[in-house]
């Protein structure tokens, strides 16, 4: 399965195409694809949509921040949209083969690297936030560049997560986070009266008692009043419901929606839901759409379906009468599942009022478990590949005895992979044990399963280590491996 992450950086430049082109040029990376670019002169802001593998998408985002800091001067910037930095907001969104927790780990690595390379301070927000009050972007950006650059010097609560107690002189600060797919949705009203848009926005946004998963503000755009919104979960609050709510609230002031717009991209399902809403189709299901049904049949997703379709191929490969994948791969998979369960338990407690005092610990656990889970997932294939390399080396030495060194090298690799699996799985078990007192006790069984899986992963991986040591000639290597094994066992 490919691993795909979306990144939607927002830069404080929507009027100078040459500057936006320069930022895009800096972000060009192998394995990273540009899906969309939106420039808005009134907001003086551009929104770039990238997708690709996690490592290269993260690097592209970092480079984009560096270029923006070089060419955008906030002391000379003005626009309708609030902003804190030249590279204002950098969110990472899970698309395929990755989780929200994986994106949290990416966001934190990116934030640290931005500060190291460019001395642009970084705030973490949404799921990556290390402080509860910073989960909401509005809280982080309140005061904007002009206000925060003075307040940060005297108020410890405004200090960045990465960097010193001051903003970059011209590039401000960058806000990096992880979140679900967000739809930037604006509705234009048939009036230039911005006060009406502000009143409508206040009534619709969740923070003022409106619709869940809706953030909104009223701004003047192209001589009209615009209700500018971010929809953070269109599954829970469909875009059609949002439009109807805006229409109803605007009518209280004798105003109607003139048009609406999507900034960036929108999931297909969100539009399908809108079609169901407005057409009132009975028993509507997305599989009734021809293209969806065709795609499902051609990719085989309708053949088995559900969770079984995802795990069955791996289980059947284990059952096949071949040596690889074998116990080493199964051990890595068990460790990865243990880490996944820990992430789930921690994620379901983080952000809850009863566990707010553990916010930082839960966030750290989720981030670390995400990193380990990626390592262990990679180790599933790495273990099988290392075994095949050993078999190929033994075959070669039968024909070319002078190639004995290749056997030794392959055996060392085949030992190192499960040893790393044991070490990481052991760490997973310790993290999960630490989650017991700071997470919902009703999820104790999930932690128990995770801890058992981690223990099984350690035992299985060490068995694979031991079986290779007997054939190794390098005494120093063997001694170092046994030292590390002893560390895992203790």
Foldseek 3Di string as FASTA:
>chain_A
DAWKKKKKWKFQAQDDVVLVVVLVVQLDDPFKDWDDWHGAVQQRMMITIIMGHLVSNLVSVLSSLQSLVVPFFQVPGDHFHFAQFRRGEIEMAGDPPADLLLRLLSQVVSQQVSCVPRVAFEAEEQLNHLALQRPDVCSLQPLHNVGQQVVLQPDVVNPGPHHGSGGDNGGGHYYYYYAHDKWWKKWWKPALPQVLLQVLQLQQDVVNPHDPQKHWGWTGGPSTIMIIIIRRDCVRPAPLNVQVSSQVSSVVVVMGTPDMDIRDDDDPVSVVVNCCVVVVDPPDDPCVDPVNVVVCVVVVCVVPHDPCVVCVVVVVQAVDPDVPPYLLLLLLVLLLLLLVLLLVQLVVFAPDPVQSVCNNVSSVSSSLSSVLSVLSNVLSVQLRVLVVQLVVQVVVCVVVVVSVVSNQVSLLSNLVSLLVSLVSLLVSLVSLVVCCVRTDVVCVVSSVSSNVSSVSSNVSSVVSNVVSLVPHDPPVSSVVSVVSNVVSVD
